[in-house]
């Protein structure tokens, strides 16, 4: 049970972030709505990680494990697009959402075929074809798009670029770490832990944006 101790700080971070976002008067309604959706999806990802770990190590329920695996593959790209929406709220990000929906549809085929992946009766995970890496390809494209959104927003507003780029770097590094032979089966992946931290950092970024805009407004008033 000691391996589940990581859930305590993650839960505290998410609940604390939820409380602060709900009571923050300085971020606008659109930003608050996006942050709440991000917190919901990140919390769901943590739960998915834990349940999938239990189903993969302690309890043998292949169909249920398949469902939670599909959920995990679908949630991760969704969170990246939500980060894009947070960085650039004025855009619809339609193409990014199409990729997310297409990714979810591809992995949903695991419910009735072995094209993408399947869980054997002995509860072993097997990849079906190259389509099993769809989530990785889609996530890579979306991370590049997130970098594009970050740079574009920086050019437009000259905002705090380093936090957004730090988040992208953290996501990439933890994704690579989870794919190396050094990765061990823990209840929550390194990437999920990183996503929780990135949610906090993006919230800090929103406040730095507010401070930057407030200072510009004061300077403009002084000039007048």
Protein backbone atom coordinates (compact mmCIF):
# COMPACT_ATOMS: atom_id res chain seq x y z
CA UNK A 1 0.00 0.00 0.00
CA UNK A 2 2.98 2.34 0.42
CA UNK A 3 3.17 2.76 -3.35
CA UNK A 4 -0.17 4.57 -3.26
CA UNK A 5 1.19 7.30 -0.97
CA UNK A 6 1.84 9.42 -4.08
CA UNK A 7 -1.93 9.86 -4.39
CA UNK A 8 -2.01 12.02 -1.24
CA UNK A 9 0.07 14.96 -2.56
CA UNK A 10 -1.57 14.70 -5.99
CA UNK A 11 -5.03 14.82 -4.41
CA UNK A 12 -4.06 17.78 -2.22
CA UNK A 13 -2.72 19.67 -5.25
CA UNK A 14 -5.84 19.07 -7.32
CA UNK A 15 -8.28 19.88 -4.51
CA UNK A 16 -6.28 22.99 -3.58
CA UNK A 17 -6.20 24.12 -7.19
CA UNK A 18 -9.94 23.50 -7.52
CA UNK A 19 -10.67 25.59 -4.42
CA UNK A 20 -8.44 28.47 -5.56
CA UNK A 21 -9.84 28.54 -9.11
CA UNK A 22 -13.42 28.58 -7.83
CA UNK A 23 -12.64 31.53 -5.54
CA UNK A 24 -10.32 33.50 -7.81
CA UNK A 25 -11.86 36.83 -8.86
CA UNK A 26 -9.03 37.86 -11.15
CA UNK A 27 -9.25 35.28 -13.94
CA UNK A 28 -12.11 35.69 -16.40
CA UNK A 29 -15.01 33.29 -16.78
CA UNK A 30 -13.59 31.59 -19.87
CA UNK A 31 -10.27 30.93 -18.17
CA UNK A 32 -12.01 29.66 -15.03
CA UNK A 33 -14.18 27.32 -17.10
CA UNK A 34 -11.13 25.93 -18.95
CA UNK A 35 -9.19 25.46 -15.71
CA UNK A 36 -12.11 23.59 -14.12
CA UNK A 37 -12.37 21.29 -17.14
CA UNK A 38 -8.59 20.70 -16.98
CA UNK A 39 -8.79 19.85 -13.27
CA UNK A 40 -11.65 17.42 -13.97
CA UNK A 41 -9.78 15.63 -16.76
CA UNK A 42 -6.52 15.51 -14.79
CA UNK A 43 -8.37 14.05 -11.78
CA UNK A 44 -9.98 11.49 -14.09
CA UNK A 45 -6.55 10.63 -15.50
CA UNK A 46 -5.18 9.99 -11.99
CA UNK A 47 -8.14 7.69 -11.25
CA UNK A 48 -7.65 5.94 -14.59
CA UNK A 49 -3.97 5.32 -13.82
CA UNK A 50 -4.74 3.82 -10.43
CA UNK A 51 -7.58 1.59 -11.65
CA UNK A 52 -5.59 0.37 -14.66
CA UNK A 53 -2.65 -0.42 -12.38
CA UNK A 54 -4.90 -2.47 -10.10
CA UNK A 55 -6.48 -4.27 -13.06
CA UNK A 56 -3.03 -5.00 -14.48
CA UNK A 57 -1.42 -6.29 -11.29
CA UNK A 58 -3.99 -7.42 -8.74
CA UNK A 59 -7.36 -8.05 -10.39
CA UNK A 60 -7.87 -9.90 -13.66
CA UNK A 61 -10.79 -8.30 -15.55
CA UNK A 62 -9.62 -8.02 -19.18
CA UNK A 63 -12.70 -6.20 -20.54
CA UNK A 64 -12.73 -3.60 -17.77
CA UNK A 65 -8.97 -3.11 -18.18
CA UNK A 66 -9.56 -2.55 -21.91
CA UNK A 67 -12.13 0.15 -21.14
CA UNK A 68 -9.79 1.98 -18.77
CA UNK A 69 -6.88 1.67 -21.21
CA UNK A 70 -9.01 3.30 -23.90
CA UNK A 71 -9.92 6.03 -21.43
CA UNK A 72 -6.26 6.74 -20.70
CA UNK A 73 -5.32 6.93 -24.38
CA UNK A 74 -8.23 9.33 -25.00
CA UNK A 75 -7.68 11.65 -22.02
CA UNK A 76 -3.99 12.53 -22.47
CA UNK A 77 -4.31 14.27 -25.88
CA UNK A 78 -7.49 16.00 -24.64
CA UNK A 79 -5.58 17.64 -21.78
CA UNK A 80 -2.93 18.96 -24.20
CA UNK A 81 -5.63 20.65 -26.31
CA UNK A 82 -7.13 22.15 -23.15
CA UNK A 83 -3.71 23.60 -22.36
CA UNK A 84 -3.72 25.10 -25.88
CA UNK A 85 -7.12 26.63 -25.20
CA UNK A 86 -5.82 28.09 -21.95
CA UNK A 87 -2.82 29.64 -23.71
CA UNK A 88 -4.83 30.91 -26.69
CA UNK A 89 -8.49 31.22 -25.58
CA UNK A 90 -9.56 33.27 -28.60
CA UNK A 91 -9.08 30.31 -30.99
CA UNK A 92 -11.45 27.37 -31.50
CA UNK A 93 -8.64 24.83 -32.10
CA UNK A 94 -10.94 22.81 -34.39
CA UNK A 95 -8.22 20.73 -36.06
CA UNK A 96 -6.77 19.82 -32.67
CA UNK A 97 -10.17 18.67 -31.43
CA UNK A 98 -10.65 16.62 -34.61
CA UNK A 99 -7.37 14.82 -33.85
CA UNK A 100 -8.54 14.15 -30.28
CA UNK A 101 -11.86 12.71 -31.48
CA UNK A 102 -10.15 10.62 -34.18
CA UNK A 103 -7.68 9.28 -31.60
CA UNK A 104 -10.51 8.29 -29.24
CA UNK A 105 -12.40 6.56 -32.07
CA UNK A 106 -9.33 4.55 -33.12
CA UNK A 107 -8.72 3.25 -29.60
CA UNK A 108 -12.42 2.51 -29.09
CA UNK A 109 -12.05 -0.26 -31.68
CA UNK A 110 -10.25 -2.29 -28.98
CA UNK A 111 -13.70 -3.08 -27.60
CA UNK A 112 -14.50 -5.31 -30.59
CA UNK A 113 -11.21 -5.94 -32.46
CA UNK A 114 -7.48 -6.50 -32.02
CA UNK A 115 -6.41 -3.87 -34.57
CA UNK A 116 -5.07 -1.39 -32.01
CA UNK A 117 -4.46 -3.44 -28.85
CA UNK A 118 -6.07 -6.17 -26.79
CA UNK A 119 -5.96 -7.69 -23.33
CA UNK A 120 -5.70 -11.47 -23.40
CA UNK A 121 -7.69 -13.80 -21.18
CA UNK A 122 -4.54 -14.13 -19.08
CA UNK A 123 -4.68 -10.34 -18.57
CA UNK A 124 -1.62 -9.58 -20.72
CA UNK A 125 -1.45 -6.43 -22.87
CA UNK A 126 -0.65 -6.86 -26.59
CA UNK A 127 -0.33 -4.24 -29.32
CA UNK A 128 -2.24 -5.03 -32.48
CA UNK A 129 -0.54 -2.87 -35.11
CA UNK A 130 1.13 0.47 -35.66
CA UNK A 131 -2.24 2.05 -34.80
CA UNK A 132 -1.47 1.23 -31.17
CA UNK A 133 0.94 4.21 -31.24
CA UNK A 134 -1.72 6.65 -32.47
CA UNK A 135 -1.94 8.42 -29.11
CA UNK A 136 1.83 9.03 -29.15
CA UNK A 137 1.77 10.47 -32.67
CA UNK A 138 -1.30 12.61 -31.94
CA UNK A 139 0.17 13.84 -28.65
CA UNK A 140 3.45 14.75 -30.39
CA UNK A 141 1.56 16.81 -32.99
CA UNK A 142 -0.51 18.49 -30.28
CA UNK A 143 2.59 19.34 -28.23
CA UNK A 144 4.10 20.99 -31.32
CA UNK A 145 0.83 22.87 -31.71
CA UNK A 146 0.99 23.89 -28.03
CA UNK A 147 4.47 25.31 -28.65
CA UNK A 148 3.08 27.21 -31.65
CA UNK A 149 0.22 28.63 -29.55
CA UNK A 150 2.66 29.64 -26.83
CA UNK A 151 5.00 31.46 -29.23
CA UNK A 152 2.09 33.16 -31.03
CA UNK A 153 0.61 34.39 -27.77
CA UNK A 154 4.01 35.61 -26.62
CA UNK A 155 4.48 37.63 -29.82
CA UNK A 156 1.04 39.13 -29.43
CA UNK A 157 1.21 40.01 -25.73
CA UNK A 158 4.90 39.67 -24.76
CA UNK A 159 3.77 37.51 -21.87
CA UNK A 160 5.61 35.14 -19.51
CA UNK A 161 6.88 32.61 -22.01
CA UNK A 162 9.11 30.56 -19.75
CA UNK A 163 6.34 28.90 -17.69
CA UNK A 164 4.50 27.64 -20.76
CA UNK A 165 7.73 26.34 -22.30
CA UNK A 166 8.73 24.74 -18.99
CA UNK A 167 5.42 22.86 -18.99
CA UNK A 168 6.00 21.61 -22.54
CA UNK A 169 9.50 20.47 -21.59
CA UNK A 170 8.23 18.65 -18.51
CA UNK A 171 5.56 16.84 -20.54
CA UNK A 172 8.09 15.74 -23.17
CA UNK A 173 10.69 14.56 -20.64
CA UNK A 174 8.22 12.55 -18.56
CA UNK A 175 6.72 11.00 -21.71
CA UNK A 176 10.19 9.84 -22.73
CA UNK A 177 10.89 8.60 -19.19
CA UNK A 178 7.71 6.52 -19.20
CA UNK A 179 8.81 4.91 -22.47
CA UNK A 180 12.30 3.88 -21.33
CA UNK A 181 13.35 0.56 -19.79
CA UNK A 182 13.84 2.41 -16.49
CA UNK A 183 10.07 2.86 -16.15
CA UNK A 184 8.41 0.81 -13.42
CA UNK A 185 4.74 0.04 -12.98
CA UNK A 186 3.60 2.54 -10.38
CA UNK A 187 -0.04 3.42 -9.61
CA UNK A 188 0.43 6.79 -11.34
CA UNK A 189 2.75 7.38 -14.30
CA UNK A 190 5.42 10.07 -14.40
CA UNK A 191 3.48 11.81 -17.16
CA UNK A 192 0.34 12.00 -15.01
CA UNK A 193 2.30 13.48 -12.11
CA UNK A 194 3.79 16.01 -14.55
CA UNK A 195 0.34 16.94 -15.88
CA UNK A 196 -0.87 17.68 -12.34
CA UNK A 197 2.13 19.98 -11.81
CA UNK A 198 1.63 21.62 -15.22
CA UNK A 199 -1.96 22.45 -14.29
CA UNK A 200 -0.67 24.34 -11.26
CA UNK A 201 2.00 26.10 -13.33
CA UNK A 202 -0.54 27.17 -15.95
CA UNK A 203 -2.68 28.66 -13.20
CA UNK A 204 0.35 30.64 -11.99
CA UNK A 205 0.91 31.67 -15.61
CA UNK A 206 -2.64 33.06 -15.78
CA UNK A 207 -1.93 35.24 -12.76
CA UNK A 208 1.33 36.51 -14.24
CA UNK A 209 -0.67 37.39 -17.34
CA UNK A 210 -3.11 39.36 -15.19
CA UNK A 211 -0.26 41.21 -13.46
CA UNK A 212 1.35 42.01 -16.82
CA UNK A 213 -1.91 43.38 -18.26
CA UNK A 214 -2.62 45.33 -15.06
CA UNK A 215 0.83 46.95 -15.17
CA UNK A 216 0.34 47.91 -18.82
CA UNK A 217 -3.02 49.46 -17.98
CA UNK A 218 -1.44 51.50 -15.18
CA UNK A 219 1.35 52.70 -17.48
CA UNK A 220 -1.21 53.71 -20.09
CA UNK A 221 -3.17 55.65 -17.47
CA UNK A 222 -0.01 57.39 -16.30
CA UNK A 223 0.88 58.39 -19.86
CA UNK A 224 -2.60 59.86 -20.33
